[in-house]
Amino acid sequence: MKIIFHKIFEKQYKKFPDKIKRRIKERNILFEKDPYDPILNNHALNGKYTGYRSISITGNIRIIYKFLDKDAVLFSEIGTHSELYS
């Protein structure tokens, strides 16, 4: 599975401390192997994010993404639950 990072995602990612960045990288590796691994809590979104899905990085940090095709996804945003869904 190929992961493409949107410019917004890259900008948001830079703001996280190194400890969280390591967790993000670990989850990305897991996602590439199995996007529906239960650890990721992968689920569909509604409202302004209809057509997108979310995975959990930590208890409060999420990645919002969408499938581009069967072999590629676009990670569009990353942030805390309140930053993304408010």
N, C-alpha and C. Protein backbone atom coordinates (compact mmCIF):
# COMPACT_ATOMS: atom_id res chain seq x y z
N MET A 1 0.86 -1.18 0.00
CA MET A 1 0.00 0.00 0.00
C MET A 1 0.90 1.23 0.00
N LYS A 2 0.66 2.11 -0.92
CA LYS A 2 1.43 3.35 -1.01
C LYS A 2 0.68 4.46 -0.26
N ILE A 3 1.42 5.18 0.59
CA ILE A 3 0.85 6.30 1.32
C ILE A 3 1.39 7.59 0.73
N ILE A 4 0.48 8.47 0.34
CA ILE A 4 0.83 9.79 -0.18
C ILE A 4 0.44 10.81 0.89
N PHE A 5 1.35 11.73 1.17
CA PHE A 5 1.11 12.71 2.22
C PHE A 5 0.75 14.06 1.61
N HIS A 6 -0.41 14.57 1.98
CA HIS A 6 -0.86 15.89 1.53
C HIS A 6 -0.01 16.96 2.19
N LYS A 7 0.12 18.12 1.56
CA LYS A 7 0.90 19.23 2.12
C LYS A 7 0.41 19.64 3.50
N ILE A 8 -0.90 19.62 3.69
CA ILE A 8 -1.46 19.98 5.00
C ILE A 8 -1.01 18.97 6.05
N PHE A 9 -1.04 17.69 5.70
CA PHE A 9 -0.58 16.64 6.62
C PHE A 9 0.87 16.88 6.99
N GLU A 10 1.73 17.14 6.01
CA GLU A 10 3.15 17.34 6.27
C GLU A 10 3.38 18.53 7.19
N LYS A 11 2.63 19.60 7.00
CA LYS A 11 2.76 20.79 7.84
C LYS A 11 2.34 20.47 9.28
N GLN A 12 1.23 19.77 9.45
CA GLN A 12 0.74 19.41 10.78
C GLN A 12 1.70 18.44 11.47
N TYR A 13 2.25 17.50 10.71
CA TYR A 13 3.16 16.49 11.24
C TYR A 13 4.40 17.12 11.87
N LYS A 14 4.92 18.16 11.26
CA LYS A 14 6.14 18.82 11.75
C LYS A 14 5.98 19.39 13.15
N LYS A 15 4.77 19.68 13.57
CA LYS A 15 4.51 20.30 14.87
C LYS A 15 4.58 19.31 16.03
N PHE A 16 4.56 18.01 15.74
CA PHE A 16 4.55 17.01 16.80
C PHE A 16 5.95 16.76 17.34
N PRO A 17 6.05 16.43 18.64
CA PRO A 17 7.35 16.09 19.22
C PRO A 17 7.85 14.75 18.67
N ASP A 18 9.14 14.50 18.81
CA ASP A 18 9.76 13.29 18.26
C ASP A 18 9.11 12.01 18.76
N LYS A 19 8.69 11.98 20.02
CA LYS A 19 8.06 10.78 20.58
C LYS A 19 6.79 10.43 19.80
N ILE A 20 6.00 11.43 19.49
CA ILE A 20 4.75 11.20 18.74
C ILE A 20 5.08 10.86 17.28
N LYS A 21 6.10 11.48 16.72
CA LYS A 21 6.49 11.17 15.34
C LYS A 21 6.90 9.70 15.20
N ARG A 22 7.59 9.18 16.22
CA ARG A 22 7.94 7.75 16.19
C ARG A 22 6.69 6.88 16.20
N ARG A 23 5.71 7.25 17.01
CA ARG A 23 4.46 6.50 17.07
C ARG A 23 3.74 6.56 15.73
N ILE A 24 3.75 7.73 15.09
CA ILE A 24 3.11 7.89 13.78
C ILE A 24 3.78 6.96 12.77
N LYS A 25 5.10 6.92 12.76
CA LYS A 25 5.82 6.05 11.82
C LYS A 25 5.49 4.58 12.08
N GLU A 26 5.41 4.19 13.36
CA GLU A 26 5.05 2.81 13.70
C GLU A 26 3.66 2.46 13.17
N ARG A 27 2.71 3.38 13.36
CA ARG A 27 1.34 3.14 12.90
C ARG A 27 1.27 3.12 11.36
N ASN A 28 2.09 3.94 10.70
CA ASN A 28 2.10 3.94 9.23
C ASN A 28 2.59 2.60 8.71
N ILE A 29 3.60 2.03 9.35
CA ILE A 29 4.10 0.70 8.94
C ILE A 29 3.01 -0.34 9.13
N LEU A 30 2.34 -0.28 10.27
CA LEU A 30 1.24 -1.20 10.54
C LEU A 30 0.12 -1.02 9.51
N PHE A 31 -0.20 0.23 9.19
CA PHE A 31 -1.23 0.54 8.21
C PHE A 31 -0.89 -0.03 6.84
N GLU A 32 0.38 0.10 6.43
CA GLU A 32 0.80 -0.43 5.13
C GLU A 32 0.61 -1.94 5.05
N LYS A 33 0.82 -2.63 6.17
CA LYS A 33 0.66 -4.09 6.20
C LYS A 33 -0.80 -4.49 6.23
N ASP A 34 -1.60 -3.79 7.06
CA ASP A 34 -3.02 -4.11 7.21
C ASP A 34 -3.78 -2.86 7.66
N PRO A 35 -4.42 -2.14 6.73
CA PRO A 35 -5.11 -0.91 7.09
C PRO A 35 -6.26 -1.12 8.09
N TYR A 36 -6.71 -2.35 8.24
CA TYR A 36 -7.83 -2.62 9.13
C TYR A 36 -7.42 -3.35 10.41
N ASP A 37 -6.14 -3.28 10.74
CA ASP A 37 -5.68 -3.86 12.00
C ASP A 37 -6.46 -3.22 13.15
N PRO A 38 -6.97 -4.02 14.08
CA PRO A 38 -7.79 -3.46 15.17
C PRO A 38 -7.09 -2.37 15.99
N ILE A 39 -5.77 -2.41 16.09
CA ILE A 39 -5.03 -1.40 16.84
C ILE A 39 -5.27 -0.01 16.26
N LEU A 40 -5.51 0.08 14.96
CA LEU A 40 -5.68 1.37 14.29
C LEU A 40 -7.06 1.99 14.48
N ASN A 41 -8.02 1.20 14.92
CA ASN A 41 -9.40 1.69 15.08
C ASN A 41 -9.87 2.41 13.81
N ASN A 42 -9.66 1.78 12.68
CA ASN A 42 -10.02 2.36 11.38
C ASN A 42 -11.54 2.43 11.24
N HIS A 43 -12.03 3.62 10.90
CA HIS A 43 -13.48 3.77 10.73
C HIS A 43 -13.81 4.89 9.74
N ALA A 44 -14.98 4.78 9.12
CA ALA A 44 -15.46 5.77 8.16
C ALA A 44 -15.92 7.02 8.89
N LEU A 45 -15.82 8.15 8.20
CA LEU A 45 -16.23 9.43 8.77
C LEU A 45 -17.45 9.97 8.04
N ASN A 46 -18.13 10.90 8.70
CA ASN A 46 -19.33 11.54 8.15
C ASN A 46 -19.15 13.05 8.11
N GLY A 47 -20.19 13.74 7.71
CA GLY A 47 -20.18 15.20 7.71
C GLY A 47 -19.20 15.76 6.70
N LYS A 48 -18.39 16.72 7.14
CA LYS A 48 -17.45 17.35 6.20
C LYS A 48 -16.38 16.37 5.72
N TYR A 49 -16.23 15.23 6.40
CA TYR A 49 -15.25 14.22 6.01
C TYR A 49 -15.89 13.00 5.36
N THR A 50 -17.07 13.13 4.80
CA THR A 50 -17.70 12.02 4.11
C THR A 50 -16.78 11.54 2.99
N GLY A 51 -16.58 10.23 2.92
CA GLY A 51 -15.67 9.66 1.93
C GLY A 51 -14.27 9.44 2.47
N TYR A 52 -14.00 9.94 3.67
CA TYR A 52 -12.71 9.77 4.32
C TYR A 52 -12.84 8.75 5.44
N ARG A 53 -11.69 8.30 5.91
CA ARG A 53 -11.62 7.38 7.03
C ARG A 53 -10.63 7.94 8.04
N SER A 54 -10.65 7.37 9.24
CA SER A 54 -9.77 7.82 10.31
C SER A 54 -9.09 6.62 10.95
N ILE A 55 -7.82 6.81 11.33
CA ILE A 55 -7.12 5.82 12.14
C ILE A 55 -6.57 6.52 13.37
N SER A 56 -6.41 5.76 14.44
CA SER A 56 -5.89 6.30 15.70
C SER A 56 -4.39 6.09 15.78
N ILE A 57 -3.70 7.13 16.22
CA ILE A 57 -2.26 7.06 16.46
C ILE A 57 -2.01 6.90 17.95
N THR A 58 -2.63 7.75 18.74
CA THR A 58 -2.63 7.62 20.20
C THR A 58 -4.08 7.73 20.64
N GLY A 59 -4.31 7.83 21.93
CA GLY A 59 -5.68 7.96 22.41
C GLY A 59 -6.40 9.17 21.85
N ASN A 60 -5.67 10.22 21.50
CA ASN A 60 -6.31 11.46 21.06
C ASN A 60 -5.87 11.93 19.67
N ILE A 61 -4.83 11.35 19.10
CA ILE A 61 -4.32 11.81 17.80
C ILE A 61 -4.84 10.89 16.70
N ARG A 62 -5.35 11.51 15.64
CA ARG A 62 -5.94 10.77 14.52
C ARG A 62 -5.30 11.19 13.19
N ILE A 63 -5.33 10.28 12.24
CA ILE A 63 -4.98 10.59 10.85
C ILE A 63 -6.25 10.42 10.04
N ILE A 64 -6.54 11.41 9.21
CA ILE A 64 -7.68 11.35 8.29
C ILE A 64 -7.12 11.05 6.90
N TYR A 65 -7.72 10.06 6.24
CA TYR A 65 -7.21 9.66 4.93
C TYR A 65 -8.36 9.21 4.04
N LYS A 66 -8.03 9.05 2.75
CA LYS A 66 -8.98 8.44 1.83
C LYS A 66 -8.23 7.57 0.84
N PHE A 67 -8.92 6.55 0.36
CA PHE A 67 -8.35 5.67 -0.65
C PHE A 67 -8.38 6.38 -2.00
N LEU A 68 -7.25 6.37 -2.70
CA LEU A 68 -7.19 6.90 -4.06
C LEU A 68 -7.50 5.80 -5.06
N ASP A 69 -7.02 4.61 -4.77
CA ASP A 69 -7.34 3.39 -5.51
C ASP A 69 -7.02 2.23 -4.59
N LYS A 70 -7.03 1.01 -5.11
CA LYS A 70 -6.84 -0.14 -4.23
C LYS A 70 -5.44 -0.24 -3.66
N ASP A 71 -4.48 0.47 -4.24
CA ASP A 71 -3.09 0.37 -3.79
C ASP A 71 -2.52 1.67 -3.23
N ALA A 72 -3.32 2.72 -3.14
CA ALA A 72 -2.79 4.02 -2.68
C ALA A 72 -3.82 4.76 -1.84
N VAL A 73 -3.30 5.43 -0.81
CA VAL A 73 -4.13 6.27 0.04
C VAL A 73 -3.48 7.64 0.17
N LEU A 74 -4.33 8.62 0.47
CA LEU A 74 -3.87 9.99 0.71
C LEU A 74 -4.10 10.31 2.17
N PHE A 75 -3.03 10.51 2.93
CA PHE A 75 -3.14 10.99 4.31
C PHE A 75 -3.30 12.50 4.21
N SER A 76 -4.49 12.99 4.54
CA SER A 76 -4.79 14.40 4.31
C SER A 76 -4.56 15.28 5.52
N GLU A 77 -4.85 14.78 6.73
CA GLU A 77 -4.69 15.59 7.93
C GLU A 77 -4.30 14.71 9.11
N ILE A 78 -3.64 15.35 10.09
CA ILE A 78 -3.32 14.69 11.34
C ILE A 78 -3.47 15.71 12.46
N GLY A 79 -4.04 15.28 13.56
CA GLY A 79 -4.20 16.17 14.70
C GLY A 79 -4.98 15.50 15.81
N THR A 80 -5.24 16.27 16.86
CA THR A 80 -6.03 15.75 17.95
C THR A 80 -7.49 15.68 17.52
N HIS A 81 -8.23 14.91 18.26
CA HIS A 81 -9.65 14.75 17.96
C HIS A 81 -10.34 16.12 17.90
N SER A 82 -10.10 16.98 18.87
CA SER A 82 -10.77 18.28 18.90
C SER A 82 -10.29 19.21 17.78
N GLU A 83 -9.02 19.12 17.38
CA GLU A 83 -8.54 19.95 16.27
C GLU A 83 -9.20 19.56 14.95
N LEU A 84 -9.37 18.28 14.73
CA LEU A 84 -9.88 17.80 13.45
C LEU A 84 -11.40 17.88 13.34
N TYR A 85 -12.11 17.62 14.42
CA TYR A 85 -13.55 17.47 14.33
C TYR A 85 -14.34 18.64 14.90
N SER A 86 -13.69 19.76 15.19
CA SER A 86 -14.45 20.89 15.74
C SER A 86 -14.85 21.87 14.65
